[in-house]
Amino acid sequence: MRIIILPPISLFLFVGIAIGVDTWQFRNNSAAGTAEIISLRGEQKSTSGSDGPSRDYVTYYPTVRFTTIQGMEYEMETTQGLQPPIAAIGDRVPVRYSVNGNRAQVRLEFGAWWDWLLAGSITIISLVFFLCALFLTKRDVPEI
C-alpha cells in the first residue's frame, strides 16, 4: 500500500515546493510598481461535473502597460487569469515586474499572502498526507 500511495503524494509535495520557490525567487528579483490595463482578453471555458450540468465562464487575461524604475516602458499580457476582471481598461493596478535583459515578466500584485496561498496549501496538505501514509500504513515487504 505504501509503495502505491507515496509517489503521487511526493509529486504533489514537490509541486507545492516548486511553486513556493518560484514565488520566492520572483518576489526577491522583482520590483513593485503600477500598471495601466490596456486590454482584456477573454477566454471562454467550461466545467463539467459528474453530478450536475456544465458551467460556462470567461477568464480574463489583462494586458498591462508599465514603466520600470529605469524608465523603460513595457506592454505585456499577464499569465494570471481572472474571473471577473479586477479592473476596467484604463484603470491602474499594482504589479510586480522583473526585467532580465530582453525577458520581462509581470504579475498582478494581490499582496504577499496571496502569492504564498497556493504553494503553502499544496505543500501543507501534501505533507500531511505524506506523513500519514508514511506512519499509518504497513511497510510493503517484498517476498523473496
C-alpha atoms as a PDB file:
ATOM      1  CA  MET A   1       0.000   0.000   0.000  1.00  0.00           C
ATOM      2  CA  ARG A   2       2.786   2.413   0.916  1.00  0.00           C
ATOM      3  CA  ILE A   3       4.535   1.943  -2.443  1.00  0.00           C
ATOM      4  CA  ILE A   4       1.335   2.900  -4.269  1.00  0.00           C
ATOM      5  CA  ILE A   5       0.475   5.968  -2.143  1.00  0.00           C
ATOM      6  CA  LEU A   6       3.826   7.681  -1.610  1.00  0.00           C
ATOM      7  CA  PRO A   7       4.833   8.531  -5.234  1.00  0.00           C
ATOM      8  CA  PRO A   8       1.705  10.601  -6.102  1.00  0.00           C
ATOM      9  CA  ILE A   9       1.795  12.353  -2.734  1.00  0.00           C
ATOM     10  CA  SER A  10       5.511  13.058  -3.202  1.00  0.00           C
ATOM     11  CA  LEU A  11       4.757  14.555  -6.623  1.00  0.00           C
ATOM     12  CA  PHE A  12       2.182  16.965  -5.130  1.00  0.00           C
ATOM     13  CA  LEU A  13       4.631  17.834  -2.352  1.00  0.00           C
ATOM     14  CA  PHE A  14       7.301  18.593  -4.965  1.00  0.00           C
ATOM     15  CA  VAL A  15       4.859  20.746  -6.995  1.00  0.00           C
ATOM     16  CA  GLY A  16       3.921  22.772  -3.909  1.00  0.00           C
ATOM     17  CA  ILE A  17       7.567  23.339  -3.026  1.00  0.00           C
ATOM     18  CA  ALA A  18       8.428  24.257  -6.651  1.00  0.00           C
ATOM     19  CA  ILE A  19       5.611  26.841  -6.781  1.00  0.00           C
ATOM     20  CA  GLY A  20       6.804  28.245  -3.460  1.00  0.00           C
ATOM     21  CA  VAL A  21      10.424  28.523  -4.667  1.00  0.00           C
ATOM     22  CA  ASP A  22       9.299  30.184  -7.926  1.00  0.00           C
ATOM     23  CA  THR A  23       7.175  32.671  -5.983  1.00  0.00           C
ATOM     24  CA  TRP A  24      10.008  33.415  -3.564  1.00  0.00           C
ATOM     25  CA  GLN A  25      12.526  33.936  -6.393  1.00  0.00           C
ATOM     26  CA  PHE A  26      10.143  36.185  -8.330  1.00  0.00           C
ATOM     27  CA  ARG A  27       9.325  38.322  -5.280  1.00  0.00           C
ATOM     28  CA  ASN A  28      13.038  38.700  -4.443  1.00  0.00           C
ATOM     29  CA  ASN A  29      14.053  39.590  -8.022  1.00  0.00           C
ATOM     30  CA  SER A  30      11.129  41.856  -8.902  1.00  0.00           C
ATOM     31  CA  ALA A  31      10.154  45.435  -8.243  1.00  0.00           C
ATOM     32  CA  ALA A  32       6.788  46.836  -7.250  1.00  0.00           C
ATOM     33  CA  GLY A  33       5.032  49.346  -9.453  1.00  0.00           C
ATOM     34  CA  THR A  34       1.733  50.287 -11.022  1.00  0.00           C
ATOM     35  CA  ALA A  35       0.462  49.462 -14.472  1.00  0.00           C
ATOM     36  CA  GLU A  36      -2.391  50.581 -16.672  1.00  0.00           C
ATOM     37  CA  ILE A  37      -4.734  47.926 -18.031  1.00  0.00           C
ATOM     38  CA  ILE A  38      -4.826  48.495 -21.782  1.00  0.00           C
ATOM     39  CA  SER A  39      -6.866  45.465 -22.852  1.00  0.00           C
ATOM     40  CA  LEU A  40      -8.586  42.342 -21.560  1.00  0.00           C
ATOM     41  CA  ARG A  41      -8.571  39.062 -23.475  1.00  0.00           C
ATOM     42  CA  GLY A  42     -11.484  36.830 -22.569  1.00  0.00           C
ATOM     43  CA  GLU A  43     -11.186  33.067 -22.843  1.00  0.00           C
ATOM     44  CA  GLN A  44     -14.366  31.005 -22.759  1.00  0.00           C
ATOM     45  CA  LYS A  45     -14.102  27.962 -20.505  1.00  0.00           C
ATOM     46  CA  SER A  46     -16.484  25.419 -19.086  1.00  0.00           C
ATOM     47  CA  THR A  47     -16.535  22.905 -16.291  1.00  0.00           C
ATOM     48  CA  SER A  48     -18.434  19.682 -16.445  1.00  0.00           C
ATOM     49  CA  GLY A  49     -19.246  17.922 -13.254  1.00  0.00           C
ATOM     50  CA  SER A  50     -20.441  14.357 -12.988  1.00  0.00           C
ATOM     51  CA  ASP A  51     -23.123  15.444 -10.533  1.00  0.00           C
ATOM     52  CA  GLY A  52     -24.644  18.302 -12.486  1.00  0.00           C
ATOM     53  CA  PRO A  53     -24.741  20.435 -15.596  1.00  0.00           C
ATOM     54  CA  SER A  54     -21.680  22.103 -17.010  1.00  0.00           C
ATOM     55  CA  ARG A  55     -20.952  25.704 -16.142  1.00  0.00           C
ATOM     56  CA  ASP A  56     -19.602  28.158 -18.709  1.00  0.00           C
ATOM     57  CA  TYR A  57     -17.466  31.089 -17.620  1.00  0.00           C
ATOM     58  CA  VAL A  58     -14.989  33.588 -19.019  1.00  0.00           C
ATOM     59  CA  THR A  59     -11.447  34.002 -17.706  1.00  0.00           C
ATOM     60  CA  TYR A  60      -9.896  37.405 -18.423  1.00  0.00           C
ATOM     61  CA  TYR A  61      -6.189  37.931 -19.097  1.00  0.00           C
ATOM     62  CA  PRO A  62      -5.249  41.617 -18.782  1.00  0.00           C
ATOM     63  CA  THR A  63      -2.595  43.263 -20.911  1.00  0.00           C
ATOM     64  CA  VAL A  64      -0.853  45.973 -18.928  1.00  0.00           C
ATOM     65  CA  ARG A  65       1.498  48.859 -19.671  1.00  0.00           C
ATOM     66  CA  PHE A  66       4.086  49.714 -17.047  1.00  0.00           C
ATOM     67  CA  THR A  67       7.291  51.697 -16.753  1.00  0.00           C
ATOM     68  CA  THR A  68      10.309  50.325 -14.904  1.00  0.00           C
ATOM     69  CA  ILE A  69      12.410  52.277 -12.433  1.00  0.00           C
ATOM     70  CA  GLN A  70      14.949  52.720 -15.261  1.00  0.00           C
ATOM     71  CA  GLY A  71      12.293  54.402 -17.437  1.00  0.00           C
ATOM     72  CA  MET A  72      11.726  51.539 -19.913  1.00  0.00           C
ATOM     73  CA  GLU A  73       8.097  51.055 -20.950  1.00  0.00           C
ATOM     74  CA  TYR A  74       6.645  47.571 -21.468  1.00  0.00           C
ATOM     75  CA  GLU A  75       3.300  46.190 -22.612  1.00  0.00           C
ATOM     76  CA  MET A  76       2.535  42.562 -21.923  1.00  0.00           C
ATOM     77  CA  GLU A  77      -0.208  40.153 -21.007  1.00  0.00           C
ATOM     78  CA  THR A  78      -0.154  38.731 -17.509  1.00  0.00           C
ATOM     79  CA  THR A  79      -0.285  34.974 -17.053  1.00  0.00           C
ATOM     80  CA  GLN A  80      -2.921  35.320 -14.345  1.00  0.00           C
ATOM     81  CA  GLY A  81      -6.445  34.650 -15.491  1.00  0.00           C
ATOM     82  CA  LEU A  82      -9.149  36.445 -13.519  1.00  0.00           C
ATOM     83  CA  GLN A  83     -12.894  35.958 -13.128  1.00  0.00           C
ATOM     84  CA  PRO A  84     -14.330  38.591 -13.238  1.00  0.00           C
ATOM     85  CA  PRO A  85     -11.698  41.165 -14.148  1.00  0.00           C
ATOM     86  CA  ILE A  86     -10.488  43.140 -11.128  1.00  0.00           C
ATOM     87  CA  ALA A  87     -10.375  46.423 -13.017  1.00  0.00           C
ATOM     88  CA  ALA A  88     -11.554  48.016 -16.229  1.00  0.00           C
ATOM     89  CA  ILE A  89      -9.499  49.104 -19.207  1.00  0.00           C
ATOM     90  CA  GLY A  90      -7.686  52.328 -18.312  1.00  0.00           C
ATOM     91  CA  ASP A  91      -7.535  51.574 -14.583  1.00  0.00           C
ATOM     92  CA  ARG A  92      -4.195  51.465 -12.781  1.00  0.00           C
ATOM     93  CA  VAL A  93      -3.377  48.332 -10.776  1.00  0.00           C
ATOM     94  CA  PRO A  94      -0.440  47.333  -8.555  1.00  0.00           C
ATOM     95  CA  VAL A  95       2.028  44.920 -10.180  1.00  0.00           C
ATOM     96  CA  ARG A  96       5.377  43.272  -9.576  1.00  0.00           C
ATOM     97  CA  TYR A  97       7.697  43.087 -12.558  1.00  0.00           C
ATOM     98  CA  SER A  98      11.031  41.522 -13.343  1.00  0.00           C
ATOM     99  CA  VAL A  99      13.191  42.513 -16.303  1.00  0.00           C
ATOM    100  CA  ASN A 100      16.268  40.429 -17.148  1.00  0.00           C
ATOM    101  CA  GLY A 101      17.850  41.509 -20.409  1.00  0.00           C
ATOM    102  CA  ASN A 102      15.262  41.079 -23.167  1.00  0.00           C
ATOM    103  CA  ARG A 103      12.996  38.952 -20.963  1.00  0.00           C
ATOM    104  CA  ALA A 104      10.347  40.632 -18.820  1.00  0.00           C
ATOM    105  CA  GLN A 105       7.624  39.198 -16.619  1.00  0.00           C
ATOM    106  CA  VAL A 106       4.765  40.946 -14.854  1.00  0.00           C
ATOM    107  CA  ARG A 107       2.290  39.706 -12.259  1.00  0.00           C
ATOM    108  CA  LEU A 108      -0.633  41.482 -10.699  1.00  0.00           C
ATOM    109  CA  GLU A 109       0.031  42.253  -7.043  1.00  0.00           C
ATOM    110  CA  PHE A 110      -2.605  40.734  -4.790  1.00  0.00           C
ATOM    111  CA  GLY A 111      -0.470  41.016  -1.659  1.00  0.00           C
ATOM    112  CA  ALA A 112       2.234  38.793  -0.243  1.00  0.00           C
ATOM    113  CA  TRP A 113      -0.240  36.433   1.428  1.00  0.00           C
ATOM    114  CA  TRP A 114      -1.927  35.636  -1.884  1.00  0.00           C
ATOM    115  CA  ASP A 115       1.373  34.667  -3.536  1.00  0.00           C
ATOM    116  CA  TRP A 116       2.011  32.058  -0.879  1.00  0.00           C
ATOM    117  CA  LEU A 117      -1.551  30.738  -0.569  1.00  0.00           C
ATOM    118  CA  LEU A 118      -1.410  28.226  -3.426  1.00  0.00           C
ATOM    119  CA  ALA A 119       2.107  26.983  -2.727  1.00  0.00           C
ATOM    120  CA  GLY A 120       1.509  26.756   1.014  1.00  0.00           C
ATOM    121  CA  SER A 121      -1.816  24.963   0.642  1.00  0.00           C
ATOM    122  CA  ILE A 122      -0.473  22.327  -1.729  1.00  0.00           C
ATOM    123  CA  THR A 123       2.665  21.801   0.357  1.00  0.00           C
ATOM    124  CA  ILE A 124       0.920  21.523   3.731  1.00  0.00           C
ATOM    125  CA  ILE A 125      -1.863  19.236   2.519  1.00  0.00           C
ATOM    126  CA  SER A 126       0.630  17.011   0.667  1.00  0.00           C
ATOM    127  CA  LEU A 127       2.929  16.907   3.687  1.00  0.00           C
ATOM    128  CA  VAL A 128       0.069  15.788   5.956  1.00  0.00           C
ATOM    129  CA  PHE A 129      -0.886  13.006   3.533  1.00  0.00           C
ATOM    130  CA  PHE A 130       2.775  12.051   3.090  1.00  0.00           C
ATOM    131  CA  LEU A 131       3.320  11.714   6.842  1.00  0.00           C
ATOM    132  CA  CYS A 132       0.047   9.818   7.303  1.00  0.00           C
ATOM    133  CA  ALA A 133       0.990   7.413   4.515  1.00  0.00           C
ATOM    134  CA  LEU A 134       4.463   7.013   5.929  1.00  0.00           C
ATOM    135  CA  PHE A 135       3.469   6.309   9.526  1.00  0.00           C
ATOM    136  CA  LEU A 136      -0.028   4.816   9.261  1.00  0.00           C
ATOM    137  CA  THR A 137       0.451   2.259   6.501  1.00  0.00           C
ATOM    138  CA  LYS A 138       2.234  -1.033   6.731  1.00  0.00           C
ATOM    139  CA  ARG A 139       5.536  -1.447   5.010  1.00  0.00           C
ATOM    140  CA  ASP A 140       5.434  -3.457   1.839  1.00  0.00           C
ATOM    141  CA  VAL A 141       7.962  -6.211   2.288  1.00  0.00           C
ATOM    142  CA  PRO A 142       8.790  -7.937  -0.965  1.00  0.00           C
ATOM    143  CA  GLU A 143       8.728 -11.704  -0.858  1.00  0.00           C
ATOM    144  CA  ILE A 144      11.890 -13.468  -1.794  1.00  0.00           C
END
